Amino acid sequence: MLTGRGITTYKNKEWLIEQYCTLGYNTYEMAKIAGCTQRTICVWLHRYSIPMKPCNTPISKERSFVTHTNRHKGHEKFTNRKWLYDQYINQQKSSIKIASELECDEQIIVRWLKRHGINIRTASESAIIRSKDVNYIQKRKNYFQSDKFRENQKRRWTPENREAFGLLQSSLWDDERRKDWTVNHSGVNHPMFGKPHLAGKNNPMYGKHPSKYYRRYKVIIDGKEMSFRSTYEVRVAIKLNKLGIEFEYEPEAFDLGNRRYIPDFLIGNVWWEVKGWMDPNSKEKLTKFYSLYPDENLRIVRLEDIKKLEGLIDSSSFDPSQTGNQEVI
């Protein structure tokens, strides 16, 4: 954007002083007006020695809070607590969906949820709501059956990425293997077709160790091929091996009454459960384990704990009982 003198707005000292000091706009809003980045505005404020305001500076009288809010579409709706509560809590719409319907930014909706004192849903609660949405389920199903998904998987698991993770070529299914599995396990070809669902001890697989077939990620640990269920587990196993720490993977199953639970790693006398997303089923399983086996030391290891583990240079400061926590959240 150019001024009357042909100078780019953000390079004009008078314009910067008027917008930033007089009208009270922040650097983000000025960048929107000038059609540049926020960093560019900061650079030119610094060049003209215009003092930067702290983040908590109140908005000036010339630019009231209402004027600021009215620049967003749908402001008369999301500023109404009753309306926003009905959309987010009663109708269980996500902040993304509300913002899409109002044609405004999602962060504005999130900000107003906080201002109205409306509790924002956790990732687990959002996942439960999505699991009941028929349109969402169908959309996900169509995506996983699409060519776009297969192309994304191919780009994600290139030979270089597999080598970086230490994965073997056999870890991933090709199109022919995936098609063969689908044909042999769909409809009447499924081994459980027409049979009642058998849960708990009535299931023929109860008490048996799960097949390695369901462990997709294969790596070489001390010259032996090992299979894991997730890339998080692969990262943990590789790092433990590099540090020279002995471990066992899924060595024992615990009876929880109507089901079994197998922790991921056993390091000495400490169990590790490597978790990404804590879904309701996992919460119930871990809560029951802690109540039935209080003497067992089970630590829940999450992504931030894995990153700390990968940052260790040697095993001198490693303590499996201090890694992770026991919070089922």
C-alpha atoms as a PDB file:
ATOM      1  CA  MET A   1       0.000   0.000   0.000  1.00  0.00           C
ATOM      2  CA  LEU A   2       1.332   3.411  -0.998  1.00  0.00           C
ATOM      3  CA  THR A   3       0.760   6.849   0.522  1.00  0.00           C
ATOM      4  CA  GLY A   4       0.014   9.970  -1.518  1.00  0.00           C
ATOM      5  CA  ARG A   5       3.736  10.633  -1.888  1.00  0.00           C
ATOM      6  CA  GLY A   6       4.351   7.197  -3.355  1.00  0.00           C
ATOM      7  CA  ILE A   7       6.037   5.890  -0.182  1.00  0.00           C
ATOM      8  CA  THR A   8       5.074   2.467   1.163  1.00  0.00           C
ATOM      9  CA  THR A   9       2.862   3.041   4.212  1.00  0.00           C
ATOM     10  CA  TYR A  10       4.993   1.162   6.721  1.00  0.00           C
ATOM     11  CA  LYS A  11       8.054   3.203   5.642  1.00  0.00           C
ATOM     12  CA  ASN A  12       6.230   6.469   6.378  1.00  0.00           C
ATOM     13  CA  LYS A  13       7.132   7.723   9.849  1.00  0.00           C
ATOM     14  CA  GLU A  14       4.021   9.911  10.155  1.00  0.00           C
ATOM     15  CA  TRP A  15       1.760   7.013   9.234  1.00  0.00           C
ATOM     16  CA  LEU A  16       3.442   4.723  11.769  1.00  0.00           C
ATOM     17  CA  ILE A  17       3.087   7.293  14.562  1.00  0.00           C
ATOM     18  CA  GLU A  18      -0.560   7.968  13.710  1.00  0.00           C
ATOM     19  CA  GLN A  19      -1.551   4.283  13.547  1.00  0.00           C
ATOM     20  CA  TYR A  20       0.574   3.017  16.436  1.00  0.00           C
ATOM     21  CA  CYS A  21       0.617   5.920  18.898  1.00  0.00           C
ATOM     22  CA  THR A  22      -2.476   8.009  18.141  1.00  0.00           C
ATOM     23  CA  LEU A  23      -5.071   5.443  17.039  1.00  0.00           C
ATOM     24  CA  GLY A  24      -3.594   2.674  19.178  1.00  0.00           C
ATOM     25  CA  TYR A  25      -3.427  -0.127  16.594  1.00  0.00           C
ATOM     26  CA  ASN A  26      -1.065  -2.989  17.358  1.00  0.00           C
ATOM     27  CA  THR A  27       1.617  -4.275  14.997  1.00  0.00           C
ATOM     28  CA  TYR A  28      -0.518  -7.200  13.816  1.00  0.00           C
ATOM     29  CA  GLU A  29      -3.396  -4.926  12.783  1.00  0.00           C
ATOM     30  CA  MET A  30      -1.036  -2.457  11.135  1.00  0.00           C
ATOM     31  CA  ALA A  31       0.511  -5.292   9.119  1.00  0.00           C
ATOM     32  CA  LYS A  32      -2.966  -6.258   7.894  1.00  0.00           C
ATOM     33  CA  ILE A  33      -3.644  -2.681   6.785  1.00  0.00           C
ATOM     34  CA  ALA A  34      -0.248  -2.235   5.119  1.00  0.00           C
ATOM     35  CA  GLY A  35      -0.285  -5.671   3.479  1.00  0.00           C
ATOM     36  CA  CYS A  36       3.000  -6.812   4.993  1.00  0.00           C
ATOM     37  CA  THR A  37       4.222  -8.996   7.846  1.00  0.00           C
ATOM     38  CA  GLN A  38       4.109  -8.079  11.515  1.00  0.00           C
ATOM     39  CA  ARG A  39       7.898  -8.306  11.686  1.00  0.00           C
ATOM     40  CA  THR A  40       8.214  -5.661   8.954  1.00  0.00           C
ATOM     41  CA  ILE A  41       6.169  -3.211  11.027  1.00  0.00           C
ATOM     42  CA  CYS A  42       8.369  -3.894  14.078  1.00  0.00           C
ATOM     43  CA  VAL A  43      11.532  -3.334  12.027  1.00  0.00           C
ATOM     44  CA  TRP A  44      10.378   0.081  10.783  1.00  0.00           C
ATOM     45  CA  LEU A  45       9.180   1.150  14.236  1.00  0.00           C
ATOM     46  CA  HIS A  46      12.657   0.349  15.488  1.00  0.00           C
ATOM     47  CA  ARG A  47      14.337   2.246  12.621  1.00  0.00           C
ATOM     48  CA  TYR A  48      12.397   5.403  13.484  1.00  0.00           C
ATOM     49  CA  SER A  49      13.101   4.867  17.218  1.00  0.00           C
ATOM     50  CA  ILE A  50       9.364   4.687  17.984  1.00  0.00           C
ATOM     51  CA  PRO A  51       9.167   3.034  21.434  1.00  0.00           C
ATOM     52  CA  MET A  52       7.368  -0.322  21.434  1.00  0.00           C
ATOM     53  CA  LYS A  53       4.437  -0.727  23.807  1.00  0.00           C
ATOM     54  CA  PRO A  54       4.192  -3.680  26.218  1.00  0.00           C
ATOM     55  CA  CYS A  55       1.756  -6.446  25.306  1.00  0.00           C
ATOM     56  CA  ASN A  56      -0.702  -5.494  28.069  1.00  0.00           C
ATOM     57  CA  THR A  57      -1.082  -1.838  27.002  1.00  0.00           C
ATOM     58  CA  PRO A  58      -4.798  -0.877  27.135  1.00  0.00           C
ATOM     59  CA  ILE A  59      -6.567   0.214  23.941  1.00  0.00           C
ATOM     60  CA  SER A  60      -6.766   3.997  23.477  1.00  0.00           C
ATOM     61  CA  LYS A  61     -10.006   5.984  23.767  1.00  0.00           C
ATOM     62  CA  GLU A  62      -9.893   6.878  20.064  1.00  0.00           C
ATOM     63  CA  ARG A  63     -10.221   3.184  19.284  1.00  0.00           C
ATOM     64  CA  SER A  64     -12.695   1.647  21.700  1.00  0.00           C
ATOM     65  CA  PHE A  65     -13.104  -2.056  22.395  1.00  0.00           C
ATOM     66  CA  VAL A  66     -16.450  -2.119  20.592  1.00  0.00           C
ATOM     67  CA  THR A  67     -14.941  -0.541  17.474  1.00  0.00           C
ATOM     68  CA  HIS A  68     -12.176  -3.153  17.530  1.00  0.00           C
ATOM     69  CA  THR A  69     -14.682  -6.013  17.859  1.00  0.00           C
ATOM     70  CA  ASN A  70     -17.015  -4.724  15.150  1.00  0.00           C
ATOM     71  CA  ARG A  71     -14.327  -5.231  12.525  1.00  0.00           C
ATOM     72  CA  HIS A  72     -14.933  -9.005  12.741  1.00  0.00           C
ATOM     73  CA  LYS A  73     -17.852 -10.658  10.987  1.00  0.00           C
ATOM     74  CA  GLY A  74     -20.497 -12.068  13.287  1.00  0.00           C
ATOM     75  CA  HIS A  75     -19.386  -9.929  16.246  1.00  0.00           C
ATOM     76  CA  GLU A  76     -22.994  -9.389  17.356  1.00  0.00           C
ATOM     77  CA  LYS A  77     -23.317 -13.164  17.797  1.00  0.00           C
ATOM     78  CA  PHE A  78     -20.075 -14.366  19.387  1.00  0.00           C
ATOM     79  CA  THR A  79     -20.077 -11.437  21.848  1.00  0.00           C
ATOM     80  CA  ASN A  80     -23.421 -12.763  23.117  1.00  0.00           C
ATOM     81  CA  ARG A  81     -22.617 -15.350  25.800  1.00  0.00           C
ATOM     82  CA  LYS A  82     -26.019 -17.052  25.579  1.00  0.00           C
ATOM     83  CA  TRP A  83     -25.688 -17.556  21.816  1.00  0.00           C
ATOM     84  CA  LEU A  84     -22.093 -18.812  21.998  1.00  0.00           C
ATOM     85  CA  TYR A  85     -22.910 -21.158  24.901  1.00  0.00           C
ATOM     86  CA  ASP A  86     -25.794 -22.666  22.912  1.00  0.00           C
ATOM     87  CA  GLN A  87     -23.607 -23.209  19.836  1.00  0.00           C
ATOM     88  CA  TYR A  88     -20.586 -24.639  21.666  1.00  0.00           C
ATOM     89  CA  ILE A  89     -22.140 -26.563  24.576  1.00  0.00           C
ATOM     90  CA  ASN A  90     -25.724 -27.419  23.630  1.00  0.00           C
ATOM     91  CA  GLN A  91     -25.241 -27.993  19.897  1.00  0.00           C
ATOM     92  CA  GLN A  92     -21.661 -29.255  20.464  1.00  0.00           C
ATOM     93  CA  LYS A  93     -20.209 -27.356  17.528  1.00  0.00           C
ATOM     94  CA  SER A  94     -16.447 -26.930  17.390  1.00  0.00           C
ATOM     95  CA  SER A  95     -14.793 -23.513  17.448  1.00  0.00           C
ATOM     96  CA  ILE A  96     -13.659 -24.176  13.861  1.00  0.00           C
ATOM     97  CA  LYS A  97     -17.224 -24.833  12.701  1.00  0.00           C
ATOM     98  CA  ILE A  98     -18.602 -21.760  14.499  1.00  0.00           C
ATOM     99  CA  ALA A  99     -15.880 -19.579  12.974  1.00  0.00           C
ATOM    100  CA  SER A 100     -16.565 -21.060   9.535  1.00  0.00           C
ATOM    101  CA  GLU A 101     -20.269 -20.276   9.776  1.00  0.00           C
ATOM    102  CA  LEU A 102     -19.555 -16.692  10.891  1.00  0.00           C
ATOM    103  CA  GLU A 103     -16.712 -16.282   8.379  1.00  0.00           C
ATOM    104  CA  CYS A 104     -14.238 -15.144  11.009  1.00  0.00           C
ATOM    105  CA  ASP A 105     -11.007 -16.466  12.516  1.00  0.00           C
ATOM    106  CA  GLU A 106     -11.146 -19.477  14.862  1.00  0.00           C
ATOM    107  CA  GLN A 107      -8.900 -17.780  17.443  1.00  0.00           C
ATOM    108  CA  ILE A 108     -11.510 -15.033  17.857  1.00  0.00           C
ATOM    109  CA  ILE A 109     -14.097 -17.655  18.854  1.00  0.00           C
ATOM    110  CA  VAL A 110     -11.628 -19.303  21.248  1.00  0.00           C
ATOM    111  CA  ARG A 111     -10.824 -15.919  22.786  1.00  0.00           C
ATOM    112  CA  TRP A 112     -14.497 -15.144  23.362  1.00  0.00           C
ATOM    113  CA  LEU A 113     -15.157 -18.577  24.837  1.00  0.00           C
ATOM    114  CA  LYS A 114     -12.521 -17.761  27.446  1.00  0.00           C
ATOM    115  CA  ARG A 115     -13.903 -14.264  28.032  1.00  0.00           C
ATOM    116  CA  HIS A 116     -17.401 -15.662  28.583  1.00  0.00           C
ATOM    117  CA  GLY A 117     -16.009 -18.236  31.025  1.00  0.00           C
ATOM    118  CA  ILE A 118     -17.051 -21.194  28.843  1.00  0.00           C
ATOM    119  CA  ASN A 119     -14.778 -24.191  29.408  1.00  0.00           C
ATOM    120  CA  ILE A 120     -12.976 -25.239  26.236  1.00  0.00           C
ATOM    121  CA  ARG A 121     -13.176 -28.933  25.451  1.00  0.00           C
ATOM    122  CA  THR A 122     -10.102 -31.127  25.679  1.00  0.00           C
ATOM    123  CA  ALA A 123      -8.849 -33.120  22.693  1.00  0.00           C
ATOM    124  CA  SER A 124     -10.383 -36.292  24.148  1.00  0.00           C
ATOM    125  CA  GLU A 125     -13.797 -34.677  24.639  1.00  0.00           C
ATOM    126  CA  SER A 126     -13.714 -33.304  21.093  1.00  0.00           C
ATOM    127  CA  ALA A 127     -12.833 -36.752  19.747  1.00  0.00           C
ATOM    128  CA  ILE A 128     -15.822 -38.306  21.539  1.00  0.00           C
ATOM    129  CA  ILE A 129     -18.174 -35.749  19.968  1.00  0.00           C
ATOM    130  CA  ARG A 130     -16.672 -36.327  16.511  1.00  0.00           C
ATOM    131  CA  SER A 131     -17.073 -40.088  16.908  1.00  0.00           C
ATOM    132  CA  LYS A 132     -20.864 -39.576  17.141  1.00  0.00           C
ATOM    133  CA  ASP A 133     -21.035 -37.350  14.082  1.00  0.00           C
ATOM    134  CA  VAL A 134     -22.247 -39.454  11.149  1.00  0.00           C
ATOM    135  CA  ASN A 135     -21.088 -36.910   8.556  1.00  0.00           C
ATOM    136  CA  TYR A 136     -17.613 -36.747  10.100  1.00  0.00           C
ATOM    137  CA  ILE A 137     -17.289 -40.540  10.195  1.00  0.00           C
ATOM    138  CA  GLN A 138     -18.337 -40.836   6.544  1.00  0.00           C
ATOM    139  CA  LYS A 139     -15.929 -38.062   5.564  1.00  0.00           C
ATOM    140  CA  ARG A 140     -13.048 -39.832   7.335  1.00  0.00           C
ATOM    141  CA  LYS A 141     -14.013 -43.149   5.758  1.00  0.00           C
ATOM    142  CA  ASN A 142     -14.041 -41.617   2.291  1.00  0.00           C
ATOM    143  CA  TYR A 143     -10.632 -40.044   2.927  1.00  0.00           C
ATOM    144  CA  PHE A 144      -8.971 -43.294   4.041  1.00  0.00           C
ATOM    145  CA  GLN A 145     -10.328 -45.015   0.949  1.00  0.00           C
ATOM    146  CA  SER A 146      -9.218 -42.251  -1.397  1.00  0.00           C
ATOM    147  CA  ASP A 147      -6.188 -42.029  -3.633  1.00  0.00           C
ATOM    148  CA  LYS A 148      -5.179 -38.854  -1.786  1.00  0.00           C
ATOM    149  CA  PHE A 149      -4.644 -40.827   1.438  1.00  0.00           C
ATOM    150  CA  ARG A 150      -2.518 -43.432  -0.333  1.00  0.00           C
ATOM    151  CA  GLU A 151      -0.425 -40.726  -1.964  1.00  0.00           C
ATOM    152  CA  ASN A 152       0.085 -38.992   1.407  1.00  0.00           C
ATOM    153  CA  GLN A 153       1.229 -42.279   2.947  1.00  0.00           C
ATOM    154  CA  LYS A 154       3.702 -42.814   0.128  1.00  0.00           C
ATOM    155  CA  ARG A 155       5.119 -39.315   0.600  1.00  0.00           C
ATOM    156  CA  ARG A 156       5.281 -39.784   4.361  1.00  0.00           C
ATOM    157  CA  TRP A 157       7.008 -43.157   4.310  1.00  0.00           C
ATOM    158  CA  THR A 158       9.651 -42.603   1.675  1.00  0.00           C
ATOM    159  CA  PRO A 159      12.753 -44.823   1.865  1.00  0.00           C
ATOM    160  CA  GLU A 160      14.619 -41.902   3.474  1.00  0.00           C
ATOM    161  CA  ASN A 161      11.984 -41.487   6.208  1.00  0.00           C
ATOM    162  CA  ARG A 162      11.914 -45.230   6.889  1.00  0.00           C
ATOM    163  CA  GLU A 163      15.699 -45.247   7.171  1.00  0.00           C
ATOM    164  CA  ALA A 164      15.595 -42.255   9.531  1.00  0.00           C
ATOM    165  CA  PHE A 165      13.171 -44.122  11.790  1.00  0.00           C
ATOM    166  CA  GLY A 166      15.120 -47.356  11.461  1.00  0.00           C
ATOM    167  CA  LEU A 167      12.070 -49.074   9.952  1.00  0.00           C
ATOM    168  CA  LEU A 168      12.385 -52.100   7.714  1.00  0.00           C
ATOM    169  CA  GLN A 169      10.809 -52.226   4.257  1.00  0.00           C
ATOM    170  CA  SER A 170       8.389 -54.910   5.482  1.00  0.00           C
ATOM    171  CA  SER A 171       6.956 -52.527   8.081  1.00  0.00           C
ATOM    172  CA  LEU A 172       4.579 -50.940   5.577  1.00  0.00           C
ATOM    173  CA  TRP A 173       1.951 -52.514   3.387  1.00  0.00           C
ATOM    174  CA  ASP A 174       2.006 -51.985  -0.335  1.00  0.00           C
ATOM    175  CA  ASP A 175      -1.205 -51.563  -2.340  1.00  0.00           C
ATOM    176  CA  GLU A 176      -1.377 -55.251  -3.255  1.00  0.00           C
ATOM    177  CA  ARG A 177      -1.030 -56.435   0.354  1.00  0.00           C
ATOM    178  CA  ARG A 178      -3.590 -53.892   1.573  1.00  0.00           C
ATOM    179  CA  LYS A 179      -6.063 -54.923  -1.152  1.00  0.00           C
ATOM    180  CA  ASP A 180      -5.589 -58.609  -0.308  1.00  0.00           C
ATOM    181  CA  TRP A 181      -6.283 -57.942   3.373  1.00  0.00           C
ATOM    182  CA  THR A 182      -9.408 -55.920   2.561  1.00  0.00           C
ATOM    183  CA  VAL A 183     -10.846 -58.638   0.322  1.00  0.00           C
ATOM    184  CA  ASN A 184     -10.206 -61.425   2.832  1.00  0.00           C
ATOM    185  CA  HIS A 185     -11.539 -59.513   5.846  1.00  0.00           C
ATOM    186  CA  SER A 186     -14.645 -57.790   4.494  1.00  0.00           C
ATOM    187  CA  GLY A 187     -18.278 -58.865   4.692  1.00  0.00           C
ATOM    188  CA  VAL A 188     -18.858 -62.625   4.614  1.00  0.00           C
ATOM    189  CA  ASN A 189     -15.106 -63.218   4.330  1.00  0.00           C
ATOM    190  CA  HIS A 190     -14.486 -61.744   7.773  1.00  0.00           C
ATOM    191  CA  PRO A 191     -13.728 -64.523  10.305  1.00  0.00           C
ATOM    192  CA  MET A 192     -16.284 -63.070  12.752  1.00  0.00           C
ATOM    193  CA  PHE A 193     -19.079 -62.547  10.183  1.00  0.00           C
ATOM    194  CA  GLY A 194     -22.427 -63.753  11.534  1.00  0.00           C
ATOM    195  CA  LYS A 195     -20.988 -64.574  14.963  1.00  0.00           C
ATOM    196  CA  PRO A 196     -22.016 -62.759  18.149  1.00  0.00           C
ATOM    197  CA  HIS A 197     -19.501 -60.327  19.630  1.00  0.00           C
ATOM    198  CA  LEU A 198     -17.616 -62.130  22.376  1.00  0.00           C
ATOM    199  CA  ALA A 199     -16.132 -59.778  24.948  1.00  0.00           C
ATOM    200  CA  GLY A 200     -13.819 -60.408  27.886  1.00  0.00           C
ATOM    201  CA  LYS A 201     -13.130 -64.004  28.898  1.00  0.00           C
ATOM    202  CA  ASN A 202     -15.677 -65.290  26.366  1.00  0.00           C
ATOM    203  CA  ASN A 203     -13.456 -64.133  23.530  1.00  0.00           C
ATOM    204  CA  PRO A 204     -11.343 -66.992  22.108  1.00  0.00           C
ATOM    205  CA  MET A 205      -8.300 -64.666  22.081  1.00  0.00           C
ATOM    206  CA  TYR A 206      -8.574 -63.884  25.815  1.00  0.00           C
ATOM    207  CA  GLY A 207      -5.378 -64.834  27.677  1.00  0.00           C
ATOM    208  CA  LYS A 208      -3.356 -65.128  24.467  1.00  0.00           C
ATOM    209  CA  HIS A 209      -0.562 -62.773  23.570  1.00  0.00           C
ATOM    210  CA  PRO A 210      -1.485 -60.520  20.601  1.00  0.00           C
ATOM    211  CA  SER A 211      -0.014 -61.526  17.287  1.00  0.00           C
ATOM    212  CA  LYS A 212       3.027 -59.688  15.937  1.00  0.00           C
ATOM    213  CA  TYR A 213       0.922 -59.233  12.806  1.00  0.00           C
ATOM    214  CA  TYR A 214      -0.632 -56.149  14.418  1.00  0.00           C
ATOM    215  CA  ARG A 215       2.772 -54.577  15.136  1.00  0.00           C
ATOM    216  CA  ARG A 216       3.431 -52.651  11.960  1.00  0.00           C
ATOM    217  CA  TYR A 217       6.764 -50.992  12.728  1.00  0.00           C
ATOM    218  CA  LYS A 218       9.810 -53.252  12.538  1.00  0.00           C
ATOM    219  CA  VAL A 219      13.361 -52.301  13.529  1.00  0.00           C
ATOM    220  CA  ILE A 220      16.632 -54.057  14.251  1.00  0.00           C
ATOM    221  CA  ILE A 221      17.629 -53.973  17.950  1.00  0.00           C
ATOM    222  CA  ASP A 222      20.953 -55.642  18.808  1.00  0.00           C
ATOM    223  CA  GLY A 223      20.828 -57.641  15.591  1.00  0.00           C
ATOM    224  CA  LYS A 224      17.284 -58.899  16.228  1.00  0.00           C
ATOM    225  CA  GLU A 225      14.154 -57.831  14.424  1.00  0.00           C
ATOM    226  CA  MET A 226      11.539 -56.331  16.757  1.00  0.00           C
ATOM    227  CA  SER A 227       8.000 -55.186  15.931  1.00  0.00           C
ATOM    228  CA  PHE A 228       6.218 -52.234  17.540  1.00  0.00           C
ATOM    229  CA  ARG A 229       2.765 -50.723  17.362  1.00  0.00           C
ATOM    230  CA  SER A 230       3.666 -47.037  16.974  1.00  0.00           C
ATOM    231  CA  THR A 231       6.510 -44.751  15.952  1.00  0.00           C
ATOM    232  CA  TYR A 232       6.628 -43.425  19.520  1.00  0.00           C
ATOM    233  CA  GLU A 233       7.503 -46.926  20.736  1.00  0.00           C
ATOM    234  CA  VAL A 234      10.111 -47.211  17.969  1.00  0.00           C
ATOM    235  CA  ARG A 235      11.762 -43.980  19.124  1.00  0.00           C
ATOM    236  CA  VAL A 236      11.837 -45.152  22.746  1.00  0.00           C
ATOM    237  CA  ALA A 237      13.284 -48.574  21.854  1.00  0.00           C
ATOM    238  CA  ILE A 238      15.994 -47.127  19.612  1.00  0.00           C
ATOM    239  CA  LYS A 239      17.103 -44.592  22.226  1.00  0.00           C
ATOM    240  CA  LEU A 240      17.117 -47.115  25.081  1.00  0.00           C
ATOM    241  CA  ASN A 241      19.245 -49.392  22.937  1.00  0.00           C
ATOM    242  CA  LYS A 242      21.684 -46.564  22.131  1.00  0.00           C
ATOM    243  CA  LEU A 243      22.019 -45.764  25.844  1.00  0.00           C
ATOM    244  CA  GLY A 244      22.768 -49.418  26.555  1.00  0.00           C
ATOM    245  CA  ILE A 245      19.673 -49.855  28.757  1.00  0.00           C
ATOM    246  CA  GLU A 246      18.123 -53.300  28.808  1.00  0.00           C
ATOM    247  CA  PHE A 247      14.364 -53.496  28.358  1.00  0.00           C
ATOM    248  CA  GLU A 248      11.579 -55.938  27.519  1.00  0.00           C
ATOM    249  CA  TYR A 249       8.706 -55.154  25.180  1.00  0.00           C
ATOM    250  CA  GLU A 250       5.212 -56.311  26.225  1.00  0.00           C
ATOM    251  CA  PRO A 251       6.550 -59.178  28.352  1.00  0.00           C
ATOM    252  CA  GLU A 252       3.499 -59.644  30.608  1.00  0.00           C
ATOM    253  CA  ALA A 253      -0.277 -59.234  30.533  1.00  0.00           C
ATOM    254  CA  PHE A 254      -2.342 -58.166  33.563  1.00  0.00           C
ATOM    255  CA  ASP A 255      -5.870 -59.423  34.216  1.00  0.00           C
ATOM    256  CA  LEU A 256      -8.328 -56.539  34.681  1.00  0.00           C
ATOM    257  CA  GLY A 257     -11.387 -58.737  35.146  1.00  0.00           C
ATOM    258  CA  ASN A 258     -13.165 -58.660  31.786  1.00  0.00           C
ATOM    259  CA  ARG A 259     -10.087 -57.743  29.781  1.00  0.00           C
ATOM    260  CA  ARG A 260      -6.285 -57.819  29.794  1.00  0.00           C
ATOM    261  CA  TYR A 261      -3.753 -55.025  29.756  1.00  0.00           C
ATOM    262  CA  ILE A 262      -0.163 -55.238  28.447  1.00  0.00           C
ATOM    263  CA  PRO A 263       2.191 -52.354  29.325  1.00  0.00           C
ATOM    264  CA  ASP A 264       4.633 -51.454  26.563  1.00  0.00           C
ATOM    265  CA  PHE A 265       8.065 -51.618  28.212  1.00  0.00           C
ATOM    266  CA  LEU A 266       9.579 -53.191  31.315  1.00  0.00           C
ATOM    267  CA  ILE A 267      12.836 -51.521  32.432  1.00  0.00           C
ATOM    268  CA  GLY A 268      14.097 -53.167  35.604  1.00  0.00           C
ATOM    269  CA  ASN A 269      11.012 -53.211  37.820  1.00  0.00           C
ATOM    270  CA  VAL A 270       9.407 -50.130  36.217  1.00  0.00           C
ATOM    271  CA  TRP A 271       6.679 -50.389  33.593  1.00  0.00           C
ATOM    272  CA  TRP A 272       6.335 -47.814  30.808  1.00  0.00           C
ATOM    273  CA  GLU A 273       3.133 -47.129  28.883  1.00  0.00           C
ATOM    274  CA  VAL A 274       3.946 -44.988  25.820  1.00  0.00           C
ATOM    275  CA  LYS A 275       0.912 -42.885  24.968  1.00  0.00           C
ATOM    276  CA  GLY A 276       0.060 -40.310  22.357  1.00  0.00           C
ATOM    277  CA  TRP A 277      -3.640 -39.494  22.584  1.00  0.00           C
ATOM    278  CA  MET A 278      -5.325 -40.636  25.816  1.00  0.00           C
ATOM    279  CA  ASP A 279      -8.673 -41.936  24.561  1.00  0.00           C
ATOM    280  CA  PRO A 280     -11.540 -42.875  26.941  1.00  0.00           C
ATOM    281  CA  ASN A 281     -10.816 -46.597  26.549  1.00  0.00           C
ATOM    282  CA  SER A 282      -7.182 -46.117  27.616  1.00  0.00           C
ATOM    283  CA  LYS A 283      -8.242 -43.944  30.559  1.00  0.00           C
ATOM    284  CA  GLU A 284     -10.578 -46.654  31.820  1.00  0.00           C
ATOM    285  CA  LYS A 285      -7.940 -49.358  31.336  1.00  0.00           C
ATOM    286  CA  LEU A 286      -5.148 -47.481  33.137  1.00  0.00           C
ATOM    287  CA  THR A 287      -7.413 -46.350  35.982  1.00  0.00           C
ATOM    288  CA  LYS A 288      -8.445 -49.951  36.570  1.00  0.00           C
ATOM    289  CA  PHE A 289      -4.828 -51.126  36.458  1.00  0.00           C
ATOM    290  CA  TYR A 290      -3.748 -48.608  39.121  1.00  0.00           C
ATOM    291  CA  SER A 291      -6.615 -49.686  41.388  1.00  0.00           C
ATOM    292  CA  LEU A 292      -6.002 -53.441  40.979  1.00  0.00           C
ATOM    293  CA  TYR A 293      -2.174 -53.356  41.015  1.00  0.00           C
ATOM    294  CA  PRO A 294      -1.108 -50.539  43.378  1.00  0.00           C
ATOM    295  CA  ASP A 295       2.300 -52.162  43.990  1.00  0.00           C
ATOM    296  CA  GLU A 296       3.275 -52.042  40.302  1.00  0.00           C
ATOM    297  CA  ASN A 297       5.241 -48.958  39.235  1.00  0.00           C
ATOM    298  CA  LEU A 298       3.674 -47.920  35.922  1.00  0.00           C
ATOM    299  CA  ARG A 299       4.765 -44.655  34.297  1.00  0.00           C
ATOM    300  CA  ILE A 300       2.836 -43.012  31.455  1.00  0.00           C
ATOM    301  CA  VAL A 301       5.380 -41.732  28.920  1.00  0.00           C
ATOM    302  CA  ARG A 302       4.213 -39.036  26.519  1.00  0.00           C
ATOM    303  CA  LEU A 303       5.794 -37.177  23.606  1.00  0.00           C
ATOM    304  CA  GLU A 304       7.491 -34.543  25.784  1.00  0.00           C
ATOM    305  CA  ASP A 305       9.069 -37.344  27.870  1.00  0.00           C
ATOM    306  CA  ILE A 306      10.294 -39.073  24.698  1.00  0.00           C
ATOM    307  CA  LYS A 307      11.953 -35.847  23.548  1.00  0.00           C
ATOM    308  CA  LYS A 308      13.715 -35.505  26.919  1.00  0.00           C
ATOM    309  CA  LEU A 309      14.860 -39.135  26.651  1.00  0.00           C
ATOM    310  CA  GLU A 310      16.234 -38.533  23.146  1.00  0.00           C
ATOM    311  CA  GLY A 311      18.162 -35.538  24.486  1.00  0.00           C
ATOM    312  CA  LEU A 312      20.210 -37.696  26.902  1.00  0.00           C
ATOM    313  CA  ILE A 313      23.840 -38.196  25.950  1.00  0.00           C
ATOM    314  CA  ASP A 314      24.502 -41.141  28.277  1.00  0.00           C
ATOM    315  CA  SER A 315      22.627 -43.264  30.815  1.00  0.00           C
ATOM    316  CA  SER A 316      24.235 -41.699  33.905  1.00  0.00           C
ATOM    317  CA  SER A 317      21.249 -39.407  34.532  1.00  0.00           C
ATOM    318  CA  PHE A 318      18.614 -41.887  33.352  1.00  0.00           C
ATOM    319  CA  ASP A 319      16.015 -43.036  35.897  1.00  0.00           C
ATOM    320  CA  PRO A 320      13.003 -44.955  34.515  1.00  0.00           C
ATOM    321  CA  SER A 321      10.984 -44.293  37.696  1.00  0.00           C
ATOM    322  CA  GLN A 322      11.321 -40.515  37.158  1.00  0.00           C
ATOM    323  CA  THR A 323      10.335 -40.519  33.481  1.00  0.00           C
ATOM    324  CA  GLY A 324       6.716 -39.656  32.698  1.00  0.00           C
ATOM    325  CA  ASN A 325       4.013 -39.596  35.374  1.00  0.00           C
ATOM    326  CA  GLN A 326       0.995 -41.505  36.659  1.00  0.00           C
ATOM    327  CA  GLU A 327      -1.657 -38.965  35.695  1.00  0.00           C
ATOM    328  CA  VAL A 328      -4.474 -40.520  33.667  1.00  0.00           C
ATOM    329  CA  ILE A 329      -5.561 -37.388  31.788  1.00  0.00           C
END
